[in-house]
Protein backbone atom coordinates (compact mmCIF):
# COMPACT_ATOMS: atom_id res chain seq x y z
CA MET A 1 3.75 -19.15 12.81
CA GLN A 2 3.62 -16.86 15.80
CA LYS A 3 0.33 -15.01 16.22
CA VAL A 4 -0.11 -11.55 17.63
CA GLN A 5 -2.81 -12.97 19.97
CA ASP A 6 -0.18 -15.04 21.84
CA LYS A 7 -0.29 -13.10 25.11
CA TYR A 8 2.94 -14.63 26.36
CA SER A 9 4.99 -13.06 23.58
CA PRO A 10 5.79 -9.31 23.80
CA ILE A 11 5.01 -7.06 20.89
CA LEU A 12 7.13 -4.10 19.78
CA LEU A 13 5.06 -1.41 18.02
CA VAL A 14 7.34 1.07 16.23
CA GLY A 15 5.67 4.43 15.78
CA ALA A 16 2.95 5.18 18.32
CA GLY A 17 1.13 7.93 16.48
CA TRP A 18 -2.44 8.36 15.24
CA LEU A 19 -2.62 4.69 14.20
CA GLY A 20 0.01 3.10 16.45
CA GLU A 21 -1.18 4.40 19.83
CA PRO A 22 -4.79 3.11 19.55
CA LEU A 23 -3.56 -0.20 18.17
CA ALA A 24 -1.22 -0.49 21.17
CA GLN A 25 -4.12 0.32 23.52
CA ARG A 26 -6.32 -2.28 21.82
CA LEU A 27 -3.65 -4.99 22.07
CA GLN A 28 -2.90 -4.13 25.72
CA ALA A 29 -6.59 -4.23 26.61
CA GLN A 30 -6.71 -7.75 25.22
CA GLY A 31 -3.89 -8.79 27.58
CA HIS A 32 -0.79 -8.44 25.37
CA LYS A 33 2.52 -7.07 26.62
CA VAL A 34 3.24 -4.18 24.32
CA VAL A 35 6.17 -1.81 24.02
CA VAL A 36 5.82 1.26 21.80
CA THR A 37 8.49 3.57 20.44
CA ALA A 38 8.69 7.31 19.77
CA ARG A 39 11.43 9.73 18.78
CA ARG A 40 10.80 12.60 21.19
CA GLN A 41 11.08 12.41 24.94
CA GLU A 42 7.92 14.46 25.52
CA ARG A 43 5.98 11.99 23.38
CA ILE A 44 7.39 9.09 25.38
CA LEU A 45 6.20 10.73 28.60
CA ALA A 46 2.70 11.22 27.10
CA LEU A 47 2.55 7.55 26.07
CA GLN A 48 3.64 6.43 29.55
CA SER A 49 0.98 8.70 31.07
CA ALA A 50 -1.51 6.87 28.85
CA GLY A 51 -0.45 3.57 30.42
CA LEU A 52 1.89 2.30 27.71
CA SER A 53 5.45 1.11 28.07
CA ALA A 54 7.55 3.25 25.72
CA TRP A 55 11.09 3.42 24.38
CA ARG A 56 12.89 6.19 22.60
CA LEU A 57 13.96 5.01 19.16
CA ASP A 58 15.05 7.31 16.31
CA LEU A 59 15.82 5.25 13.19
CA GLU A 60 16.95 8.33 11.35
CA ASP A 61 19.99 8.32 13.57
CA ALA A 62 22.22 5.38 12.62
CA GLY A 63 24.11 5.68 15.90
CA GLU A 64 20.99 4.92 17.91
CA THR A 65 20.70 1.45 16.45
CA MET A 66 23.98 0.30 18.01
CA GLY A 67 23.25 -2.34 20.61
CA LEU A 68 19.71 -2.74 19.31
CA SER A 69 19.89 -6.52 18.71
CA PRO A 70 19.74 -7.60 22.34
CA ARG A 71 16.85 -5.14 23.00
CA LEU A 72 14.85 -6.74 20.22
CA LYS A 73 15.68 -10.35 20.97
CA SER A 74 12.64 -11.04 23.17
CA PHE A 75 10.03 -9.72 20.76
CA ARG A 76 8.21 -12.27 18.67
CA THR A 77 6.11 -9.70 16.78
CA ILE A 78 7.15 -6.27 15.50
CA ILE A 79 4.52 -3.86 14.09
CA TRP A 80 5.79 -1.00 11.92
CA ALA A 81 3.38 1.96 12.06
CA VAL A 82 5.79 4.77 11.22
CA PRO A 83 4.37 7.21 8.60
CA PRO A 84 6.64 7.97 5.62
CA GLY A 85 7.48 11.61 6.45
CA LYS A 86 8.25 13.76 3.43
CA ASP A 87 10.90 15.76 5.30
CA SER A 88 12.96 12.86 6.58
CA HIS A 89 16.67 13.05 5.83
CA THR A 90 16.90 9.20 5.88
CA PRO A 91 14.94 7.26 3.19
CA TYR A 92 11.94 5.41 4.56
CA GLY A 93 13.21 2.01 3.44
CA ALA A 94 16.56 2.60 5.03
CA GLN A 95 14.89 3.35 8.37
CA LEU A 96 13.07 -0.03 8.24
CA ASN A 97 16.30 -1.70 7.21
CA ARG A 98 18.09 -0.28 10.30
CA LEU A 99 15.57 -2.06 12.45
CA LEU A 100 15.31 -5.36 10.61
CA VAL A 101 19.03 -6.06 10.39
CA HIS A 102 18.94 -6.34 14.19
CA TRP A 103 15.87 -8.64 14.09
CA PRO A 104 16.36 -11.31 11.40
CA ALA A 105 13.52 -13.63 10.46
CA GLU A 106 13.35 -16.69 12.66
CA THR A 107 10.74 -19.37 13.34
CA GLY A 108 7.94 -17.86 15.35
CA ARG A 109 8.64 -14.25 14.44
CA LYS A 110 6.12 -12.00 12.69
CA LEU A 111 6.49 -8.64 11.04
CA ILE A 112 3.42 -6.45 10.35
CA PHE A 113 4.16 -3.49 8.14
CA TYR A 114 1.65 -0.69 7.44
CA SER A 115 2.04 0.48 3.90
CA SER A 116 -0.14 2.67 1.66
CA THR A 117 -2.39 2.23 -1.35
CA GLY A 118 -0.48 5.26 -2.68
CA VAL A 119 1.95 2.78 -4.14
CA TYR A 120 -0.50 1.93 -6.89
CA PRO A 121 -0.37 4.07 -10.07
CA GLU A 122 -2.60 7.14 -10.21
CA ASN A 123 -4.41 5.74 -13.24
CA ALA A 124 -7.93 4.54 -13.89
CA GLY A 125 -8.57 0.89 -13.11
CA ILE A 126 -9.22 -1.57 -10.37
CA TRP A 127 -6.03 -2.22 -8.40
CA ASN A 128 -5.53 -5.30 -6.23
CA GLU A 129 -2.65 -6.94 -4.42
CA LYS A 130 -1.26 -8.45 -7.63
CA SER A 131 -1.25 -5.20 -9.54
CA PRO A 132 2.05 -3.49 -10.35
CA ILE A 133 3.10 -0.65 -8.09
CA GLN A 134 5.08 2.56 -8.69
CA PRO A 135 8.68 1.44 -8.05
CA ASP A 136 9.84 5.03 -7.33
CA HIS A 137 7.13 5.64 -4.67
CA ARG A 138 8.86 6.43 -1.33
CA VAL A 139 7.04 3.52 0.36
CA ALA A 140 7.97 0.98 -2.30
CA ALA A 141 11.52 0.56 -1.04
CA ALA A 142 10.26 -0.10 2.48
CA GLU A 143 7.82 -2.69 1.11
CA LYS A 144 10.75 -4.39 -0.59
CA GLU A 145 12.68 -4.48 2.68
CA ALA A 146 9.64 -5.95 4.52
CA LEU A 147 9.07 -8.66 1.94
CA ALA A 148 12.80 -9.49 1.75
CA TRP A 149 12.86 -9.92 5.54
CA GLY A 150 11.00 -13.26 5.39
CA GLU A 151 7.91 -15.21 4.59
CA GLN A 152 6.22 -14.33 7.86
CA ALA A 153 5.79 -10.63 6.86
CA LEU A 154 2.25 -9.17 6.59
CA LEU A 155 1.99 -6.00 4.55
CA LEU A 156 -1.14 -3.91 5.01
CA ARG A 157 -1.72 -1.29 2.28
CA CYS A 158 -4.05 1.31 3.87
CA GLY A 159 -6.27 3.67 2.02
CA GLY A 160 -6.92 7.23 3.17
CA LEU A 161 -7.19 7.00 6.92
CA CYS A 162 -10.21 8.58 8.57
CA ASP A 163 -12.13 8.82 11.79
CA GLU A 164 -13.87 11.47 13.88
CA ARG A 165 -10.51 13.14 14.53
CA ARG A 166 -9.44 13.03 10.88
CA VAL A 167 -12.26 14.35 8.76
CA ILE A 168 -10.83 15.03 5.31
CA GLY A 169 -13.73 17.18 4.20
CA ARG A 170 -12.73 19.96 6.68
CA TYR A 171 -9.78 20.77 4.38
CA PHE A 172 -12.20 21.69 1.60
CA ALA A 173 -14.78 23.61 3.69
CA GLY A 174 -15.77 26.72 1.70
CA LYS A 175 -13.14 25.94 -0.97
CA THR A 176 -13.18 24.77 -4.57
CA LEU A 177 -13.11 20.96 -4.80
CA SER A 178 -11.37 19.68 -7.91
CA ASN A 179 -11.91 16.17 -9.20
CA ALA A 180 -15.21 16.22 -7.42
CA ASN A 181 -16.54 13.04 -9.04
CA GLN A 182 -13.48 10.94 -8.40
CA PRO A 183 -14.19 7.90 -6.23
CA VAL A 184 -12.47 7.73 -2.83
CA ASN A 185 -10.37 4.95 -1.37
CA TYR A 186 -10.73 5.56 2.34
CA ILE A 187 -10.82 3.37 5.44
CA HIS A 188 -11.98 4.11 8.98
CA LEU A 189 -9.42 3.72 11.81
CA GLU A 190 -11.66 1.20 13.61
CA ASP A 191 -11.55 -1.08 10.52
CA VAL A 192 -7.74 -0.75 10.27
CA LEU A 193 -7.40 -1.95 13.88
CA SER A 194 -9.96 -4.71 13.55
CA ALA A 195 -8.72 -5.98 10.16
CA THR A 196 -5.13 -6.09 11.52
CA LEU A 197 -6.20 -8.35 14.37
CA HIS A 198 -8.44 -10.42 12.10
CA LEU A 199 -5.62 -11.16 9.69
CA SER A 200 -3.21 -11.89 12.51
CA ASN A 201 -5.55 -14.36 13.97
CA LEU A 202 -5.67 -16.12 10.63
CA ASP A 203 -1.83 -16.22 10.53
CA ALA A 204 -2.08 -14.29 7.26
CA THR A 205 1.10 -13.28 5.43
CA GLY A 206 1.70 -11.41 2.20
CA ILE A 207 -0.05 -8.23 1.00
CA TYR A 208 -3.57 -7.06 1.82
CA ASN A 209 -5.35 -3.84 0.83
CA LEU A 210 -7.14 -2.16 3.74
CA VAL A 211 -9.80 0.04 2.15
CA ALA A 212 -13.53 0.41 2.57
CA PRO A 213 -15.45 -1.66 -0.04
CA MET A 214 -17.61 1.29 -1.09
CA HIS A 215 -16.15 4.10 -3.21
CA PRO A 216 -18.51 7.11 -3.33
CA GLU A 217 -17.46 10.30 -5.11
CA ARG A 218 -15.32 12.87 -3.20
CA SER A 219 -18.14 15.46 -3.37
CA MET A 220 -20.63 13.01 -1.83
CA VAL A 221 -18.29 12.17 1.01
CA PHE A 222 -17.28 15.73 1.80
CA GLU A 223 -20.87 17.12 1.64
CA ALA A 224 -22.00 14.30 3.92
CA GLN A 225 -19.23 15.15 6.38
CA ALA A 226 -20.10 18.85 6.29
CA ARG A 227 -23.65 18.03 7.36
CA ARG A 228 -22.51 15.62 10.06
CA TYR A 229 -19.80 17.72 11.63
CA ASN A 230 -21.38 21.14 10.92
CA PHE A 231 -18.85 22.86 8.65
CA ALA A 232 -19.21 24.44 5.23
CA SER A 233 -19.50 22.36 2.11
CA PRO A 234 -17.05 22.97 -0.74
CA SER A 235 -18.03 26.26 -2.35
CA LYS A 236 -17.56 24.95 -5.87
CA LEU A 237 -17.35 21.52 -7.46
CA GLU A 238 -15.09 20.97 -10.46
CA SER A 239 -15.63 17.71 -12.29
CA GLY A 240 -12.78 15.42 -13.18
CA GLY A 241 -10.71 12.63 -11.74
CA VAL A 242 -10.12 9.06 -12.75
CA GLU A 243 -11.93 5.87 -11.85
CA ARG A 244 -9.11 4.52 -9.66
CA LEU A 245 -10.53 1.88 -7.35
CA ILE A 246 -8.52 -0.04 -4.79
CA SER A 247 -10.02 -3.49 -4.22
CA ALA A 248 -10.73 -4.93 -0.78
CA ASP A 249 -11.83 -8.24 -2.24
CA LYS A 250 -8.93 -10.28 -0.83
CA LEU A 251 -9.69 -9.00 2.68
CA LEU A 252 -13.41 -9.70 2.30
CA ALA A 253 -12.65 -13.23 0.92
CA ASN A 254 -10.74 -13.88 4.14
CA GLY A 255 -13.91 -13.30 6.19
CA TYR A 256 -13.47 -9.73 7.32
CA VAL A 257 -16.67 -7.76 7.89
CA PHE A 258 -16.31 -3.98 7.84
CA SER A 259 -17.75 -1.89 10.68
CA HIS A 260 -17.69 1.18 8.42
CA PRO A 261 -18.04 0.09 4.75
CA ASP A 262 -19.36 3.46 3.46
CA PRO A 263 -17.06 6.57 3.73
CA GLN A 264 -20.15 8.79 3.48
CA LEU A 265 -20.86 7.66 7.06
CA PHE A 266 -17.40 8.16 8.47
């Protein structure tokens, strides 16, 4: 199976946003040839200014996929890091399908698809990679496309994405916090990047949850962030919430060591 770390094989990273751009930078710094995509020309120019090779690719426009097959032929790895926009006029799964029909599974090809732990039911319990998902979740159809593509697909279900630029507690500064004692299922961006490379180096396939192994309550996380980043704590805490825990045991069992295991320290 083709590994991402094969530096002689170019990588196409579809969606160079908050997650995709730093992943592309990490891969390029390790010596990989990486091409990223974006929908808007101004974004392409910004990515090129950051030292990345960039294409324009808008998978919401079916006409833009004409002639895509020869452009994709040289890539041995495609990484899908497109967020599932709520205002898209083309279903998320259909967008992925428009790409994959031009890049069928072949020996040596690898698909890495970033999904979401939001596909699990919003009920109490411990949810792992074998748990049932919500079939009507907007990401579920895209997961189905990725799994149907071939056995060399790696699906990474990410928890709530955080880092110093995305501090969720800011949204609740000085406001009422409902479900204050509900446990969080977050992950730091650094661990998303490192876990992706770790699993790729293992030639991993199938589904993995990417979520920090510690699950403190929302109030504990947001109050810790308020102290660290100097903004107001929630003005009022309202109890409630369910004990919904996303398990990272499969990732840990495969030898990954978290850099940021505790969301209170994000």
